[in-house]
Amino acid sequence: MKPVLEVADIFRHHGDAYRQAHGDHMGRVEHRILSAIAACRTAVLGGHVEQCTDCGEKRISYNSCRNRHCPKCQNLARAEWLEARKAELLPVPYFHVVFTLPAPLTEIAFQNKAVVYDLLMRAAADTLRTMAADREHLGADIGLIAVLHTWGQNLHHHPHVHCIVPGGGLSADGAKWVASRSDFLLDVKVLSVLFRNRFINEITAAFKAGRLQFFAALALLADPDTFAHHLAPLSAADWVVYAKRPFGGPEETLAYLGRYTHRVAITNSRLINLEQGRVSFRWKDYRQGGETKLMTLSAEEFIRRFLLHALPDGFQRIRHYGLLANGHRAAKLELCRTLLAAPPPPARSATRDYREQYRQLTGNDLDICPHCGGRMVRLGPLPSSQPHRHAPHRCDTS
């Protein structure tokens, strides 16, 4: 069922006004996000006409924008990614560990997204792997999937990394599987200290190498002494690292991954209304035990907060490390299964047909008439209503 209100509706009604007010301060990525989401599944991108062979019902299916920030364009991408992960899950407990940047670093991160987000993800992964390799803790070479999120429930800038980690890894010589406890992976207090020290070392090195830039209110941080003074209190502070309970098994792990990997700053389902230039949406206040509350912002402020989470072109927000790193994943996982006496992974679908692929991955059949259950056939294409520089993609009509 289509939500009553979508992010695209807000962009269509208020995007032009936002550009007029803030366009000079927006980057190319932010401009593209506004245009793509507003045009998604509209005549702007074109599409095709379908008709039911039984009842004669016609429908127009418009193309999707495929922008990774668009709430409507993640279903198939998520399903394809999860299908690939099915073959990589091991019959062991999986843990969820979250690493968060402290507030004094979030503004630096915002002005240096590509550099600092990369440091955050690598520092989190290196911390887990280094501690796990220590014989006093686990003594194993582990793997993990890291997913970057940059938002909180209220859409403020809140960079943090979700890591999904198998409960164990390979011994140093690769001869055996070293299992973690079923209810405990690594001490989060130790992880916090290691993460803090590693990240501060890395961002200091990035500063000395001239990889960081500072603007506006942060301009003074370009001075080495000022930058060092800014970091100094963080070296003694407690950084937020926490671990959630282990998952029940591979299927629960897969479902959990699906809720995190292709999430955008806010889903359409959380939007309540758009009235007199104000947007209302649901959010969870975790400082109040996760209590669900209603927040109302001006459309201008809503768009501003949404665009805070624009990712740099080419930035990989889902990454694999250790045993799951792309270069040797297949071989390492085969060895792990052998040591665990686990069955081979399920075979992946080889179909290249979009509609059949969508049906297999999502359980929804695009060829079924929504009115009578008959078969929909394509009558012909609909050209886009105006030139658009972004390549469209067949939509899923959901």
Protein backbone atom coordinates (compact mmCIF):
# COMPACT_ATOMS: atom_id res chain seq x y z
CA MET A 1 0.00 0.00 0.00
CA LYS A 2 1.38 3.39 -1.01
CA PRO A 3 1.99 5.76 1.93
CA VAL A 4 -0.32 8.76 2.14
CA LEU A 5 2.69 11.09 2.22
CA GLU A 6 6.15 10.60 0.74
CA VAL A 7 9.45 12.44 0.90
CA ALA A 8 8.98 12.99 -2.83
CA ASP A 9 5.76 14.96 -2.17
CA ILE A 10 7.64 17.30 0.17
CA PHE A 11 10.38 17.81 -2.40
CA ARG A 12 7.86 18.49 -5.17
CA HIS A 13 5.95 21.06 -3.16
CA HIS A 14 8.87 22.79 -1.45
CA GLY A 15 12.05 21.79 -3.31
CA ASP A 16 12.09 24.82 -5.64
CA ALA A 17 11.70 27.24 -2.73
CA TYR A 18 14.51 25.46 -0.90
CA ARG A 19 16.78 25.78 -3.95
CA GLN A 20 16.03 29.47 -4.27
CA ALA A 21 16.90 30.05 -0.62
CA HIS A 22 19.89 27.72 -0.28
CA GLY A 23 20.95 26.68 -3.78
CA ASP A 24 24.21 28.63 -3.66
CA HIS A 25 25.29 26.61 -0.62
CA MET A 26 24.21 23.21 -1.96
CA GLY A 27 26.61 20.81 -3.60
CA ARG A 28 26.07 18.89 -6.82
CA VAL A 29 25.02 15.77 -4.88
CA GLU A 30 22.33 17.63 -2.91
CA HIS A 31 20.91 19.20 -6.08
CA ARG A 32 20.80 15.79 -7.72
CA ILE A 33 19.03 14.20 -4.73
CA LEU A 34 16.31 16.85 -4.76
CA SER A 35 15.73 16.44 -8.49
CA ALA A 36 15.88 12.65 -8.54
CA ILE A 37 13.51 12.01 -5.63
CA ALA A 38 11.01 14.59 -6.86
CA ALA A 39 11.01 12.98 -10.32
CA CYS A 40 10.93 9.36 -9.12
CA ARG A 41 8.07 7.36 -10.63
CA THR A 42 6.54 10.34 -12.39
CA ALA A 43 6.10 11.29 -16.04
CA VAL A 44 9.38 13.19 -15.80
CA LEU A 45 11.31 9.91 -16.10
CA GLY A 46 8.94 8.18 -18.49
CA GLY A 47 7.75 4.62 -18.19
CA HIS A 48 5.35 2.32 -19.99
CA VAL A 49 1.68 1.39 -20.25
CA GLU A 50 0.41 -2.05 -19.22
CA GLN A 51 -2.99 -3.69 -19.72
CA CYS A 52 -4.64 -6.73 -18.16
CA THR A 53 -5.46 -9.46 -20.68
CA ASP A 54 -8.54 -10.47 -18.64
CA CYS A 55 -10.34 -7.32 -17.46
CA GLY A 56 -8.72 -4.76 -19.74
CA GLU A 57 -7.56 -2.60 -16.83
CA LYS A 58 -4.72 -0.28 -17.85
CA ARG A 59 -2.01 1.16 -15.63
CA ILE A 60 1.00 3.35 -16.09
CA SER A 61 4.27 2.26 -14.56
CA TYR A 62 6.73 5.11 -14.30
CA ASN A 63 10.46 4.63 -14.05
CA SER A 64 12.29 4.97 -10.75
CA CYS A 65 15.20 7.32 -10.13
CA ARG A 66 17.48 4.68 -8.54
CA ASN A 67 19.05 7.31 -6.33
CA ARG A 68 20.41 5.59 -3.22
CA HIS A 69 18.93 8.31 -1.00
CA CYS A 70 15.39 7.73 -2.32
CA PRO A 71 13.06 5.89 0.11
CA LYS A 72 11.18 4.25 -2.77
CA CYS A 73 14.13 2.85 -4.68
CA GLN A 74 15.66 0.49 -2.14
CA ASN A 75 13.39 -2.58 -2.27
CA LEU A 76 15.02 -4.39 -5.18
CA ALA A 77 18.54 -3.26 -4.25
CA ARG A 78 17.99 -4.56 -0.72
CA ALA A 79 16.56 -7.85 -1.97
CA GLU A 80 19.45 -8.41 -4.40
CA TRP A 81 22.02 -7.67 -1.71
CA LEU A 82 20.37 -9.97 0.81
CA GLU A 83 20.11 -12.76 -1.75
CA ALA A 84 23.89 -12.59 -2.18
CA ARG A 85 24.40 -12.65 1.59
CA LYS A 86 22.38 -15.86 2.02
CA ALA A 87 25.29 -17.84 0.60
CA GLU A 88 27.69 -16.23 3.08
CA LEU A 89 25.94 -16.85 6.39
CA LEU A 90 27.53 -19.38 8.71
CA PRO A 91 25.71 -21.57 11.28
CA VAL A 92 27.01 -19.53 14.24
CA PRO A 93 25.62 -16.72 16.41
CA TYR A 94 25.89 -13.23 14.93
CA PHE A 95 26.45 -10.08 16.94
CA HIS A 96 25.56 -6.45 16.32
CA VAL A 97 28.13 -3.88 17.50
CA VAL A 98 27.65 -0.12 17.05
CA PHE A 99 30.40 2.53 17.02
CA THR A 100 29.42 6.19 17.37
CA LEU A 101 31.38 9.40 16.85
CA PRO A 102 31.24 11.84 19.80
CA ALA A 103 29.49 15.17 19.19
CA PRO A 104 32.66 17.34 18.95
CA LEU A 105 33.67 15.36 15.87
CA THR A 106 30.36 15.38 13.99
CA GLU A 107 30.80 18.87 12.54
CA ILE A 108 34.29 17.97 11.35
CA ALA A 109 32.80 14.85 9.80
CA PHE A 110 30.11 16.87 8.04
CA GLN A 111 32.66 19.18 6.42
CA ASN A 112 34.92 16.24 5.50
CA LYS A 113 32.47 13.44 4.76
CA ALA A 114 34.55 11.27 2.44
CA VAL A 115 37.62 11.35 4.70
CA VAL A 116 36.04 11.11 8.15
CA TYR A 117 33.32 8.60 7.26
CA ASP A 118 36.03 6.40 5.77
CA LEU A 119 38.13 6.76 8.94
CA LEU A 120 35.10 5.92 11.08
CA MET A 121 34.35 2.71 9.18
CA ARG A 122 37.96 1.55 9.05
CA ALA A 123 38.59 2.38 12.72
CA ALA A 124 35.52 0.40 13.78
CA ALA A 125 36.51 -2.63 11.68
CA ASP A 126 40.18 -2.50 12.70
CA THR A 127 39.20 -2.24 16.37
CA LEU A 128 37.04 -5.35 16.19
CA ARG A 129 39.60 -7.34 14.25
CA THR A 130 42.55 -6.29 16.41
CA MET A 131 40.82 -7.14 19.67
CA ALA A 132 39.43 -10.42 18.33
CA ALA A 133 42.89 -11.49 17.17
CA ASP A 134 44.27 -11.03 20.68
CA ARG A 135 44.50 -14.42 22.42
CA GLU A 136 43.40 -12.84 25.69
CA HIS A 137 40.03 -12.06 24.11
CA LEU A 138 39.21 -14.46 21.25
CA GLY A 139 42.37 -15.29 19.33
CA ALA A 140 40.72 -15.47 15.92
CA ASP A 141 40.66 -13.78 12.54
CA ILE A 142 37.06 -12.61 12.26
CA GLY A 143 34.93 -11.09 9.53
CA LEU A 144 32.27 -8.42 9.61
CA ILE A 145 29.86 -6.33 7.57
CA ALA A 146 29.94 -2.61 8.40
CA VAL A 147 27.08 -0.25 7.48
CA LEU A 148 27.37 3.52 7.86
CA HIS A 149 24.39 5.51 9.13
CA THR A 150 24.62 9.28 9.54
CA TRP A 151 21.24 10.08 11.08
CA GLY A 152 19.35 9.90 14.32
CA GLN A 153 15.58 9.49 14.55
CA ASN A 154 15.16 13.28 14.54
CA LEU A 155 17.24 13.54 11.31
CA HIS A 156 20.12 15.36 13.00
CA HIS A 157 23.65 14.49 11.88
CA HIS A 158 24.71 11.46 13.95
CA PRO A 159 27.44 9.38 12.25
CA HIS A 160 27.71 5.80 13.50
CA VAL A 161 28.57 2.37 12.14
CA HIS A 162 26.58 -0.83 12.55
CA CYS A 163 28.78 -3.94 12.44
CA ILE A 164 27.35 -7.43 12.01
CA VAL A 165 29.92 -9.94 13.24
CA PRO A 166 29.91 -13.77 13.22
CA GLY A 167 30.53 -15.27 16.64
CA GLY A 168 33.98 -16.64 15.97
CA GLY A 169 36.70 -16.86 13.36
CA LEU A 170 39.69 -18.74 12.06
CA SER A 171 42.72 -19.55 14.19
CA ALA A 172 45.99 -17.87 13.22
CA ASP A 173 47.08 -20.92 11.23
CA GLY A 174 43.65 -21.39 9.67
CA ALA A 175 43.43 -24.94 11.00
CA LYS A 176 40.39 -24.57 13.22
CA TRP A 177 37.32 -22.50 13.93
CA VAL A 178 37.56 -20.51 17.17
CA ALA A 179 34.06 -19.94 18.54
CA SER A 180 33.03 -17.06 20.77
CA ARG A 181 30.66 -17.55 23.65
CA SER A 182 27.09 -17.83 22.45
CA ASP A 183 26.05 -14.73 24.39
CA PHE A 184 29.23 -12.65 24.36
CA LEU A 185 31.66 -11.53 21.67
CA LEU A 186 34.08 -8.91 23.01
CA ASP A 187 34.23 -6.51 25.99
CA VAL A 188 32.66 -3.23 24.81
CA LYS A 189 34.61 -1.18 27.37
CA VAL A 190 37.88 -2.36 25.87
CA LEU A 191 36.47 -1.88 22.36
CA SER A 192 35.57 1.70 23.26
CA VAL A 193 39.10 2.57 24.38
CA LEU A 194 40.73 0.91 21.37
CA PHE A 195 38.28 2.59 18.98
CA ARG A 196 38.84 6.01 20.56
CA ASN A 197 42.61 5.75 20.39
CA ARG A 198 42.65 4.42 16.84
CA PHE A 199 40.27 7.05 15.50
CA ILE A 200 42.10 9.95 17.18
CA ASN A 201 45.41 8.70 15.78
CA GLU A 202 43.90 8.37 12.31
CA ILE A 203 42.19 11.77 12.22
CA THR A 204 45.35 13.43 13.56
CA ALA A 205 47.34 11.80 10.76
CA ALA A 206 44.74 12.98 8.24
CA PHE A 207 45.04 16.54 9.58
CA LYS A 208 48.84 16.51 9.35
CA ALA A 209 48.61 15.18 5.79
CA GLY A 210 46.37 18.11 4.80
CA ARG A 211 43.37 15.91 4.07
CA LEU A 212 40.92 17.88 6.24
CA GLN A 213 39.30 21.20 5.36
CA PHE A 214 37.50 23.62 7.67
CA PHE A 215 34.96 26.30 6.84
CA ALA A 216 32.76 28.89 8.52
CA ALA A 217 32.52 28.29 12.28
CA LEU A 218 35.21 25.59 12.10
CA ALA A 219 37.77 27.68 10.22
CA LEU A 220 39.92 28.14 13.33
CA LEU A 221 40.52 24.38 13.49
CA ALA A 222 42.88 24.71 10.55
CA ASP A 223 45.47 25.89 13.07
CA PRO A 224 47.41 22.87 14.42
CA ASP A 225 47.34 24.01 18.04
CA THR A 226 43.61 24.74 17.92
CA PHE A 227 42.92 21.37 16.32
CA ALA A 228 44.99 19.57 18.97
CA HIS A 229 43.19 21.48 21.72
CA HIS A 230 39.84 20.47 20.21
CA LEU A 231 40.80 16.79 20.27
CA ALA A 232 42.44 16.77 23.69
CA PRO A 233 39.28 16.28 25.84
CA LEU A 234 38.18 13.42 23.57
CA SER A 235 41.25 11.37 24.48
CA ALA A 236 39.95 10.94 28.03
CA ALA A 237 36.22 10.74 27.26
CA ASP A 238 34.13 7.59 27.04
CA TRP A 239 33.18 6.87 23.44
CA VAL A 240 29.89 5.12 22.76
CA VAL A 241 30.33 1.52 21.66
CA TYR A 242 27.61 -0.99 22.45
CA ALA A 243 26.69 -4.53 21.50
CA LYS A 244 23.19 -5.83 21.07
CA ARG A 245 22.08 -9.35 21.86
CA PRO A 246 23.15 -12.09 19.42
CA PHE A 247 20.73 -13.11 16.71
CA GLY A 248 18.78 -16.34 16.85
CA GLY A 249 20.27 -17.76 13.67
CA PRO A 250 21.15 -17.05 10.04
CA GLU A 251 17.59 -16.24 8.99
CA GLU A 252 17.14 -13.74 11.82
CA THR A 253 20.51 -12.27 10.93
CA LEU A 254 19.43 -11.86 7.32
CA ALA A 255 16.18 -10.17 8.32
CA TYR A 256 18.08 -7.85 10.64
CA LEU A 257 20.56 -6.95 7.92
CA GLY A 258 17.67 -6.05 5.66
CA ARG A 259 16.49 -3.45 8.15
CA TYR A 260 19.88 -1.70 8.20
CA THR A 261 21.77 -2.04 4.93
CA HIS A 262 19.67 0.02 2.52
CA ARG A 263 17.93 2.30 4.98
CA VAL A 264 17.75 6.01 4.19
CA ALA A 265 17.49 8.94 6.57
CA ILE A 266 13.72 8.56 6.96
CA THR A 267 11.19 6.14 5.49
CA ASN A 268 7.93 7.27 3.96
CA SER A 269 6.02 5.21 6.53
CA ARG A 270 7.14 7.58 9.31
CA LEU A 271 5.65 10.65 7.64
CA ILE A 272 2.30 11.83 9.02
CA ASN A 273 1.27 14.96 7.13
CA LEU A 274 2.34 18.02 5.18
CA GLU A 275 0.18 21.00 6.02
CA GLN A 276 0.73 24.73 5.64
CA GLY A 277 4.38 24.23 4.90
CA ARG A 278 5.05 22.03 7.93
CA VAL A 279 6.01 18.34 8.01
CA SER A 280 5.06 16.01 10.86
CA PHE A 281 6.68 12.61 11.36
CA ARG A 282 7.08 9.90 13.99
CA TRP A 283 10.37 9.42 15.79
CA LYS A 284 11.67 7.35 18.68
CA ASP A 285 13.25 9.20 21.58
CA TYR A 286 15.87 6.74 22.83
CA ARG A 287 16.70 9.03 25.74
CA GLN A 288 13.18 8.30 26.92
CA GLY A 289 13.36 4.54 26.49
CA GLY A 290 12.48 4.55 22.80
CA GLU A 291 9.16 6.33 23.33
CA THR A 292 7.47 7.17 20.01
CA LYS A 293 6.85 10.88 19.61
CA LEU A 294 5.62 13.31 16.95
CA MET A 295 7.96 15.95 15.54
CA THR A 296 6.85 18.86 13.35
CA LEU A 297 9.32 20.88 11.28
CA SER A 298 8.99 23.49 8.58
CA ALA A 299 9.34 21.93 5.14
CA GLU A 300 12.53 23.95 4.70
CA GLU A 301 14.05 22.52 7.88
CA PHE A 302 12.90 18.99 6.98
CA ILE A 303 14.64 19.22 3.60
CA ARG A 304 17.75 20.68 5.21
CA ARG A 305 17.97 17.81 7.67
CA PHE A 306 17.31 15.21 4.98
CA LEU A 307 20.12 16.59 2.83
CA LEU A 308 22.54 16.52 5.75
CA HIS A 309 22.83 12.80 4.99
CA ALA A 310 23.83 13.07 1.34
CA LEU A 311 26.79 10.78 0.75
CA PRO A 312 29.74 11.75 -1.48
CA ASP A 313 29.71 10.26 -4.96
CA GLY A 314 31.20 6.78 -4.98
CA PHE A 315 31.31 6.40 -1.20
CA GLN A 316 30.72 2.79 -0.17
CA ARG A 317 28.49 2.79 2.92
CA ILE A 318 28.33 -1.03 3.10
CA ARG A 319 31.72 -2.68 3.49
CA HIS A 320 33.11 -6.14 4.20
CA TYR A 321 36.19 -6.76 6.30
CA GLY A 322 38.37 -9.64 7.47
CA LEU A 323 37.07 -13.05 6.43
CA LEU A 324 34.31 -11.34 4.47
CA ALA A 325 36.56 -8.96 2.50
CA ASN A 326 35.86 -9.14 -1.22
CA GLY A 327 39.28 -10.37 -2.32
CA HIS A 328 39.18 -13.73 -0.54
CA ARG A 329 35.62 -14.08 0.78
CA ALA A 330 34.65 -17.20 -1.18
CA ALA A 331 37.79 -19.14 -0.23
CA LYS A 332 37.68 -18.10 3.44
CA LEU A 333 34.00 -18.96 3.79
CA GLU A 334 34.52 -22.34 2.17
CA LEU A 335 37.25 -23.06 4.72
CA CYS A 336 35.00 -21.91 7.57
CA ARG A 337 32.18 -24.20 6.42
CA THR A 338 34.58 -27.11 6.20
CA LEU A 339 35.82 -26.53 9.75
CA LEU A 340 32.25 -26.09 10.99
CA ALA A 341 31.04 -29.17 9.07
CA ALA A 342 28.38 -26.89 7.57
CA PRO A 343 26.41 -27.71 4.40
CA PRO A 344 27.20 -25.85 1.16
CA PRO A 345 25.39 -22.55 0.60
CA PRO A 346 22.14 -22.46 -1.40
CA ALA A 347 22.49 -21.82 -5.12
CA ARG A 348 21.67 -18.29 -6.28
CA SER A 349 19.11 -17.54 -8.94
CA ALA A 350 20.67 -16.99 -12.36
CA THR A 351 17.71 -15.18 -13.95
CA ARG A 352 18.39 -11.86 -15.67
CA ASP A 353 14.75 -10.99 -16.35
CA TYR A 354 13.86 -7.97 -14.22
CA ARG A 355 10.27 -9.00 -13.48
CA GLU A 356 11.15 -12.59 -12.62
CA GLN A 357 14.08 -11.41 -10.51
CA TYR A 358 11.81 -9.01 -8.65
CA ARG A 359 9.28 -11.76 -8.02
CA GLN A 360 11.89 -14.17 -6.68
CA LEU A 361 13.55 -11.61 -4.44
CA THR A 362 10.54 -9.73 -3.07
CA GLY A 363 7.63 -12.16 -3.40
CA ASN A 364 5.64 -9.59 -5.40
CA ASP A 365 4.59 -10.35 -8.97
CA LEU A 366 4.55 -7.32 -11.27
CA ASP A 367 2.62 -9.25 -13.93
CA ILE A 368 -0.51 -9.78 -11.81
CA CYS A 369 -3.41 -7.37 -12.32
CA PRO A 370 -4.20 -5.66 -8.99
CA HIS A 371 -7.93 -5.65 -9.84
CA CYS A 372 -8.79 -9.13 -11.11
CA GLY A 373 -5.62 -11.20 -10.71
CA GLY A 374 -5.16 -11.55 -14.46
CA ARG A 375 -1.93 -11.02 -16.38
CA MET A 376 -0.55 -7.59 -17.22
CA VAL A 377 1.16 -7.15 -20.58
CA ARG A 378 3.13 -4.17 -21.78
CA LEU A 379 1.53 -2.08 -24.50
CA GLY A 380 4.35 0.34 -25.13
CA PRO A 381 6.76 2.88 -23.67
CA LEU A 382 6.02 6.36 -22.40
CA PRO A 383 8.76 8.89 -23.13
CA SER A 384 9.91 11.18 -20.36
CA SER A 385 8.11 14.51 -20.18
CA GLN A 386 11.36 16.47 -20.10
CA PRO A 387 15.08 15.84 -20.56
CA HIS A 388 16.66 14.26 -17.49
CA ARG A 389 20.35 13.53 -17.18
CA HIS A 390 20.00 10.58 -14.81
CA ALA A 391 19.41 7.15 -16.31
CA PRO A 392 16.01 5.80 -15.20
CA HIS A 393 15.22 2.25 -14.24
CA ARG A 394 12.10 0.17 -14.45
CA CYS A 395 10.03 0.77 -11.33
CA ASP A 396 8.45 -1.87 -9.11
CA THR A 397 4.98 -0.20 -8.86
CA SER A 398 4.77 -1.06 -5.17
